[in-house]
Amino acid sequence: MKALVFIPLSVAMLMAARPVFSQNTFPGTGAVGIGTTTPNVELDVVGRVAAKLYTFRGVDNDSQQPHFHYGIYQEAGPWTFPYPKLVINYHTGIKMVGYYNYGGIRFYAGYGNDGTPTGQVMSIAEGDYNVRVANSLFVNSNIGIGTASTGAYRLAVEGIIGARKVRVTQAAWADYVFQPDYKLRSIPELEAFINTHGHLPDVPSAEEVAKDGIDLGDMDSRLLRKIEELTLYVIEQQKQIKAMQAEMADMKRVVKP
């Protein structure tokens, strides 16, 4: 006769409720809910989630190696200013989509006591397709508009720039032309230079401008120099005209019957 084995009710319940997973691995089908009994996705958490690293397996699970290259994580370092930053690694990349009819994307520099973001610094597609910067924009490199080849220029624009005013600071100005020791070319010297070179002295030629462009501040200074030189020529010419008029008046008095 076989002996009857009695199992306590509590033990029986534990055996009946034994998980169907092992080694922290869940079945390939079904959803898991934490804080909810009706999960809508494979892992549905109602509440906060804390993790050191979120990793991804790439598109269609093709990387097969969840590591930092496909991760979102907080960089290492003590929790002191300027504080470790959230890192989205290079293989992961990021696409931010903010349809303008739904508020676009906003960037803030702070937050209030209730966690509400404050101090908006930039927005993208906020009511339209534009990017707006609330304060000064600091770029520690070159900027190209319409071109990727900025060369040595801080701002390179392939196209036309429209502005109401342009202010160019210039250290040297051309008022030295009016100093007594300034050597002004004579008219014959000026004529000879123009006949030889085809442009004014100290002014770039058409070929030089086509090749290298012009510096607005330097060019304005050079043009002012030519204007001031021309003014000196006019003053000298006026003196000569007055002298000739005086000579003609004397001649008329001499020949007057």
Protein backbone atom coordinates (compact mmCIF):
# COMPACT_ATOMS: atom_id res chain seq x y z
CA MET A 1 0.00 0.00 0.00
CA LYS A 2 1.36 3.33 -1.07
CA ALA A 3 1.72 6.00 1.57
CA LEU A 4 -0.08 9.24 1.19
CA VAL A 5 2.08 12.36 1.20
CA PHE A 6 0.50 15.53 2.52
CA ILE A 7 1.88 18.84 1.29
CA PRO A 8 1.13 21.98 3.24
CA LEU A 9 -1.21 24.39 1.45
CA SER A 10 1.35 27.24 1.44
CA VAL A 11 3.95 25.04 -0.23
CA ALA A 12 1.43 23.88 -2.80
CA MET A 13 0.52 27.47 -3.64
CA LEU A 14 4.15 28.40 -4.13
CA MET A 15 4.68 25.43 -6.42
CA ALA A 16 1.57 26.29 -8.38
CA ALA A 17 2.69 29.91 -8.75
CA ARG A 18 6.20 28.93 -9.76
CA PRO A 19 7.43 31.36 -12.45
CA VAL A 20 7.74 30.01 -15.96
CA PHE A 21 10.99 31.88 -16.49
CA SER A 22 14.49 31.16 -15.29
CA GLN A 23 17.71 33.14 -15.04
CA ASN A 24 15.72 36.40 -15.33
CA THR A 25 14.58 35.48 -18.85
CA PHE A 26 10.96 35.97 -19.83
CA PRO A 27 9.14 34.00 -22.53
CA GLY A 28 9.28 35.31 -26.08
CA THR A 29 5.55 36.01 -26.15
CA GLY A 30 3.32 38.04 -23.90
CA ALA A 31 3.83 41.34 -22.14
CA VAL A 32 5.20 42.26 -18.73
CA GLY A 33 3.58 44.92 -16.58
CA ILE A 34 5.13 46.68 -13.60
CA GLY A 35 2.63 48.79 -11.74
CA THR A 36 -0.11 47.62 -14.10
CA THR A 37 -1.97 44.38 -14.75
CA THR A 38 -2.81 45.36 -18.31
CA PRO A 39 0.49 45.97 -20.11
CA ASN A 40 0.07 47.35 -23.62
CA VAL A 41 3.61 46.65 -24.82
CA GLU A 42 6.30 44.06 -24.12
CA LEU A 43 7.41 45.99 -21.00
CA ASP A 44 4.91 48.47 -19.60
CA VAL A 45 5.99 50.39 -16.49
CA VAL A 46 3.65 52.73 -14.66
CA GLY A 47 6.08 54.77 -12.60
CA ARG A 48 9.71 55.75 -12.68
CA VAL A 49 12.53 53.64 -14.08
CA ALA A 50 16.13 53.85 -12.88
CA ALA A 51 18.95 52.34 -14.89
CA LYS A 52 22.66 52.85 -15.37
CA LEU A 53 22.54 52.09 -19.07
CA TYR A 54 19.90 51.70 -21.74
CA THR A 55 21.23 49.70 -24.67
CA PHE A 56 19.84 48.89 -28.10
CA ARG A 57 20.43 46.02 -30.46
CA GLY A 58 20.24 48.12 -33.59
CA VAL A 59 17.73 47.99 -36.40
CA ASP A 60 16.00 44.58 -36.61
CA ASN A 61 18.24 43.33 -33.79
CA ASP A 62 21.18 43.09 -36.22
CA SER A 63 23.99 44.25 -33.92
CA GLN A 64 23.58 41.31 -31.52
CA GLN A 65 25.78 43.06 -28.99
CA PRO A 66 24.16 45.53 -26.62
CA HIS A 67 27.00 47.82 -25.60
CA PHE A 68 27.80 51.50 -25.10
CA HIS A 69 28.01 52.11 -28.86
CA TYR A 70 24.25 51.60 -29.03
CA GLY A 71 23.37 53.05 -25.66
CA ILE A 72 21.89 55.97 -23.82
CA TYR A 73 23.64 56.48 -20.51
CA GLN A 74 24.96 58.99 -18.03
CA GLU A 75 28.67 59.65 -18.32
CA ALA A 76 30.90 58.76 -15.41
CA GLY A 77 31.85 61.32 -12.79
CA PRO A 78 30.85 62.72 -9.40
CA TRP A 79 27.44 64.32 -9.00
CA THR A 80 28.86 67.83 -8.67
CA PHE A 81 28.79 70.84 -10.98
CA PRO A 82 28.87 70.76 -13.99
CA TYR A 83 27.43 67.25 -13.39
CA PRO A 84 27.69 64.18 -15.65
CA LYS A 85 25.78 64.52 -18.90
CA LEU A 86 23.34 62.21 -20.64
CA VAL A 87 25.12 60.52 -23.55
CA ILE A 88 23.50 59.22 -26.73
CA ASN A 89 26.35 57.34 -28.34
CA TYR A 90 27.43 57.64 -31.93
CA HIS A 91 26.01 54.36 -33.23
CA THR A 92 22.66 55.20 -31.71
CA GLY A 93 22.25 58.71 -33.06
CA ILE A 94 19.10 60.67 -32.52
CA LYS A 95 16.16 61.92 -34.53
CA MET A 96 13.98 64.57 -32.93
CA VAL A 97 10.60 65.07 -34.54
CA GLY A 98 8.45 67.98 -33.44
CA TYR A 99 5.57 68.70 -35.80
CA TYR A 100 5.04 72.45 -35.75
CA ASN A 101 1.26 72.20 -35.30
CA TYR A 102 1.91 70.43 -31.99
CA GLY A 103 4.45 72.83 -30.48
CA GLY A 104 7.71 71.71 -32.08
CA ILE A 105 10.82 71.14 -29.97
CA ARG A 106 11.97 73.49 -27.22
CA PHE A 107 15.26 73.71 -25.32
CA TYR A 108 15.46 75.18 -21.82
CA ALA A 109 18.32 76.18 -19.53
CA GLY A 110 16.63 75.63 -16.16
CA TYR A 111 13.56 74.43 -14.31
CA GLY A 112 11.25 75.64 -11.56
CA ASN A 113 10.49 74.16 -8.14
CA ASP A 114 7.82 71.92 -9.63
CA GLY A 115 10.13 70.68 -12.38
CA THR A 116 8.60 72.91 -15.06
CA PRO A 117 11.28 73.95 -17.59
CA THR A 118 12.25 77.62 -17.51
CA GLY A 119 14.54 79.88 -19.49
CA GLN A 120 13.82 78.78 -23.06
CA VAL A 121 16.96 79.26 -25.13
CA MET A 122 16.01 77.73 -28.48
CA SER A 123 13.06 76.27 -30.33
CA ILE A 124 12.63 74.30 -33.53
CA ALA A 125 9.43 74.28 -35.60
CA GLU A 126 7.47 76.21 -33.00
CA GLY A 127 4.52 77.21 -35.14
CA ASP A 128 6.50 77.04 -38.36
CA TYR A 129 9.64 75.41 -39.79
CA ASN A 130 12.14 77.90 -38.38
CA VAL A 131 14.84 77.61 -35.70
CA ARG A 132 14.71 80.40 -33.12
CA VAL A 133 17.41 81.36 -30.61
CA ALA A 134 16.26 83.42 -27.63
CA ASN A 135 19.63 84.93 -26.71
CA SER A 136 23.06 85.41 -28.26
CA LEU A 137 24.34 82.51 -30.33
CA PHE A 138 27.93 81.52 -29.56
CA VAL A 139 29.67 79.28 -32.07
CA ASN A 140 33.27 78.31 -31.36
CA SER A 141 34.00 77.51 -34.99
CA ASN A 142 33.25 78.69 -38.52
CA ILE A 143 29.74 78.99 -39.95
CA GLY A 144 28.80 78.34 -43.56
CA ILE A 145 25.50 79.48 -45.07
CA GLY A 146 24.86 77.92 -48.44
CA THR A 147 28.36 76.43 -48.41
CA ALA A 148 30.35 73.84 -46.47
CA SER A 149 33.69 75.39 -47.46
CA THR A 150 34.25 78.20 -44.94
CA GLY A 151 38.02 78.35 -45.37
CA ALA A 152 39.56 80.75 -42.87
CA TYR A 153 36.35 82.80 -42.55
CA ARG A 154 34.29 82.76 -39.37
CA LEU A 155 31.19 83.33 -41.51
CA ALA A 156 31.07 82.22 -45.14
CA VAL A 157 27.93 82.99 -47.16
CA GLU A 158 27.30 81.68 -50.66
CA GLY A 159 24.76 84.25 -51.81
CA ILE A 160 23.57 87.77 -51.08
CA ILE A 161 23.47 89.29 -47.59
CA GLY A 162 20.76 91.82 -46.83
CA ALA A 163 21.22 94.24 -43.93
CA ARG A 164 20.05 97.69 -42.87
CA LYS A 165 23.45 98.57 -41.45
CA VAL A 166 26.90 97.03 -41.38
CA ARG A 167 29.43 98.25 -38.82
CA VAL A 168 33.11 97.51 -39.51
CA THR A 169 35.70 98.49 -36.93
CA GLN A 170 38.93 99.84 -38.38
CA ALA A 171 42.07 100.72 -36.43
CA ALA A 172 43.74 102.91 -39.07
CA TRP A 173 42.02 105.71 -40.98
CA ALA A 174 43.25 107.93 -43.79
CA ASP A 175 43.35 111.34 -42.11
CA TYR A 176 47.16 111.20 -42.24
CA VAL A 177 46.79 112.49 -45.83
CA PHE A 178 46.25 115.95 -44.39
CA GLN A 179 49.44 115.91 -42.36
CA PRO A 180 52.12 118.38 -43.56
CA ASP A 181 54.70 115.64 -44.18
CA TYR A 182 52.41 113.55 -46.43
CA LYS A 183 53.96 113.11 -49.88
CA LEU A 184 51.30 113.66 -52.51
CA ARG A 185 52.03 112.46 -56.04
CA SER A 186 52.18 115.11 -58.67
CA ILE A 187 49.58 115.01 -61.44
CA PRO A 188 52.15 113.81 -64.02
CA GLU A 189 53.24 111.01 -61.63
CA LEU A 190 49.62 109.99 -61.10
CA GLU A 191 48.95 109.98 -64.84
CA ALA A 192 52.02 107.84 -65.51
CA PHE A 193 50.95 105.28 -62.88
CA ILE A 194 47.43 105.02 -64.32
CA ASN A 195 48.76 104.62 -67.86
CA THR A 196 51.09 101.82 -66.71
CA HIS A 197 48.85 99.86 -64.31
CA GLY A 198 45.31 100.74 -65.32
CA HIS A 199 44.12 101.60 -61.81
CA LEU A 200 44.75 104.11 -59.02
CA PRO A 201 47.81 103.75 -56.78
CA ASP A 202 47.26 101.78 -53.52
CA VAL A 203 43.97 100.40 -54.84
CA PRO A 204 43.68 96.71 -55.84
CA SER A 205 43.26 95.89 -59.49
CA ALA A 206 40.21 94.19 -60.95
CA GLU A 207 42.16 90.92 -61.18
CA GLU A 208 43.14 91.09 -57.50
CA VAL A 209 39.57 91.75 -56.41
CA ALA A 210 38.24 88.87 -58.53
CA LYS A 211 40.80 86.54 -56.97
CA ASP A 212 40.94 87.63 -53.32
CA GLY A 213 37.91 89.86 -52.76
CA ILE A 214 38.20 92.99 -50.63
CA ASP A 215 38.34 93.85 -46.96
CA LEU A 216 35.48 96.32 -46.42
CA GLY A 217 37.20 98.27 -43.68
CA ASP A 218 40.54 98.42 -45.49
CA MET A 219 38.88 99.30 -48.79
CA ASP A 220 36.88 102.12 -47.22
CA SER A 221 40.10 103.50 -45.77
CA ARG A 222 41.82 103.32 -49.17
CA LEU A 223 38.90 105.04 -50.92
CA LEU A 224 38.86 107.77 -48.28
CA ARG A 225 42.58 108.23 -48.88
CA LYS A 226 41.90 108.79 -52.59
CA ILE A 227 39.10 111.25 -51.79
CA GLU A 228 41.35 113.20 -49.44
CA GLU A 229 44.15 113.22 -52.04
CA LEU A 230 41.66 114.44 -54.63
CA THR A 231 40.61 117.19 -52.19
CA LEU A 232 44.24 118.30 -51.92
CA TYR A 233 44.52 118.37 -55.72
CA VAL A 234 41.36 120.51 -55.93
CA ILE A 235 42.66 122.91 -53.28
CA GLU A 236 45.99 123.24 -55.10
CA GLN A 237 44.20 123.70 -58.41
CA GLN A 238 42.02 126.43 -56.91
CA LYS A 239 45.13 128.23 -55.70
CA GLN A 240 46.59 128.05 -59.20
CA ILE A 241 43.34 129.37 -60.71
CA LYS A 242 43.33 132.33 -58.33
CA ALA A 243 46.97 133.05 -59.12
CA MET A 244 46.22 132.97 -62.85
CA GLN A 245 43.22 135.25 -62.33
CA ALA A 246 45.41 137.71 -60.44
CA GLU A 247 48.02 137.64 -63.23
CA MET A 248 45.35 138.24 -65.87
CA ALA A 249 43.97 141.17 -63.89
CA ASP A 250 47.49 142.68 -63.68
CA MET A 251 47.97 142.19 -67.43
CA LYS A 252 44.70 143.94 -68.15
CA ARG A 253 45.73 146.93 -66.07
CA VAL A 254 49.07 147.12 -67.93
CA VAL A 255 47.58 146.98 -71.41
CA LYS A 256 44.63 149.19 -70.54
CA PRO A 257 44.65 152.26 -72.86
